[in-house]
Structure formats: structure tokens, C-alpha cells
Protein backbone atom coordinates (compact mmCIF):
# COMPACT_ATOMS: atom_id res chain seq x y z
CA UNK A 1 -13.77 -65.32 -134.56
CA UNK A 2 -16.77 -63.12 -133.77
CA UNK A 3 -19.20 -65.98 -134.40
CA UNK A 4 -17.30 -68.24 -132.00
CA UNK A 5 -17.29 -65.48 -129.38
CA UNK A 6 -21.06 -65.01 -129.77
CA UNK A 7 -21.66 -68.74 -129.42
CA UNK A 8 -19.68 -68.78 -126.16
CA UNK A 9 -21.41 -65.60 -124.96
CA UNK A 10 -24.86 -67.12 -125.56
CA UNK A 11 -23.97 -70.24 -123.58
CA UNK A 12 -22.48 -68.24 -120.69
CA UNK A 13 -25.46 -65.88 -120.53
CA UNK A 14 -27.91 -68.79 -120.60
CA UNK A 15 -26.13 -70.43 -117.67
CA UNK A 16 -25.90 -67.17 -115.71
CA UNK A 17 -29.59 -66.41 -116.21
CA UNK A 18 -30.84 -69.92 -115.36
CA UNK A 19 -28.41 -70.87 -112.58
CA UNK A 20 -29.81 -68.60 -109.81
CA UNK A 21 -33.33 -70.05 -110.12
CA UNK A 22 -32.60 -73.51 -108.61
CA UNK A 23 -30.14 -71.90 -106.20
CA UNK A 24 -32.80 -69.53 -104.90
CA UNK A 25 -35.30 -72.40 -104.67
CA UNK A 26 -32.81 -74.53 -102.71
CA UNK A 27 -32.37 -71.83 -100.07
CA UNK A 28 -36.10 -71.00 -99.88
CA UNK A 29 -35.63 -67.86 -101.95
CA UNK A 30 -33.38 -66.28 -99.32
CA UNK A 31 -31.31 -65.01 -102.23
CA UNK A 32 -34.28 -63.78 -104.23
CA UNK A 33 -32.31 -60.62 -104.98
CA UNK A 34 -30.25 -62.80 -107.36
CA UNK A 35 -33.38 -63.34 -109.40
CA UNK A 36 -34.26 -59.64 -109.30
CA UNK A 37 -30.86 -58.82 -110.78
CA UNK A 38 -30.08 -61.66 -113.17
CA UNK A 39 -33.43 -62.17 -114.85
CA UNK A 40 -34.24 -58.55 -115.85
CA UNK A 41 -30.67 -57.94 -116.98
CA UNK A 42 -29.74 -61.38 -118.28
CA UNK A 43 -32.81 -62.22 -120.35
CA UNK A 44 -32.60 -59.13 -122.61
CA UNK A 45 -28.84 -59.64 -122.97
CA UNK A 46 -29.37 -63.29 -123.86
CA UNK A 47 -32.12 -62.56 -126.37
CA UNK A 48 -30.11 -59.71 -127.86
CA UNK A 49 -27.05 -61.88 -128.31
CA UNK A 50 -29.13 -64.63 -129.93
CA UNK A 51 -30.70 -62.14 -132.35
CA UNK A 52 -27.26 -60.66 -133.06
CA UNK A 53 -25.89 -64.14 -133.76
CA UNK A 54 -28.78 -64.97 -136.09
CA UNK A 55 -28.36 -61.69 -137.97
CA UNK A 56 -24.62 -62.26 -138.18
CA UNK A 57 -25.20 -65.77 -139.45
CA UNK A 58 -27.50 -64.54 -142.23
CA UNK A 59 -25.18 -61.72 -143.27
CA UNK A 60 -23.41 -62.25 -146.57
CA UNK A 61 -19.88 -63.47 -146.20
CA UNK A 62 -17.14 -61.10 -147.31
CA UNK A 63 -15.26 -62.24 -150.39
CA UNK A 64 -11.59 -62.97 -149.81
CA UNK A 65 -9.19 -60.29 -150.94
CA UNK A 66 -7.17 -60.59 -154.14
CA UNK A 67 -4.00 -61.57 -152.29
CA UNK A 68 -5.43 -64.55 -150.37
């Protein structure tokens, strides 16, 4: 469940970080404040979630309990 959530989170963050760039270009950077907010906040969040997902993927899997 957590792995699926992280996969979705990575995709959403990637879209949110990249989407304002063509939007700002299309309006001649009138909304450049979007870039000032989304890139410094979104890029570390995106990289952190990717690293977290990689670390979670390399973690040993828990053995099923005796009753399962």
C-alpha cells in the first residue's frame, strides 16, 4: 500500500513541478512566481520521495506471520 502511494506521489509531484514551466513560458513569464514557489519546494520533495521509494524498495520484506 505504501509503495503504491509513493509511486502515485512521485508522479503527482513530477507533474506539479514541471507543469508551471510551459505555462509561465506561454504567458511570457507573467506568472513567474509559480516557478519561484514550485521549483524550490517541489524539486526537493520529488527527489526525497524518489529516494524514499528506492530505499523502501531495497528494504527487506517482512516475513508473513504464523497465522497467514
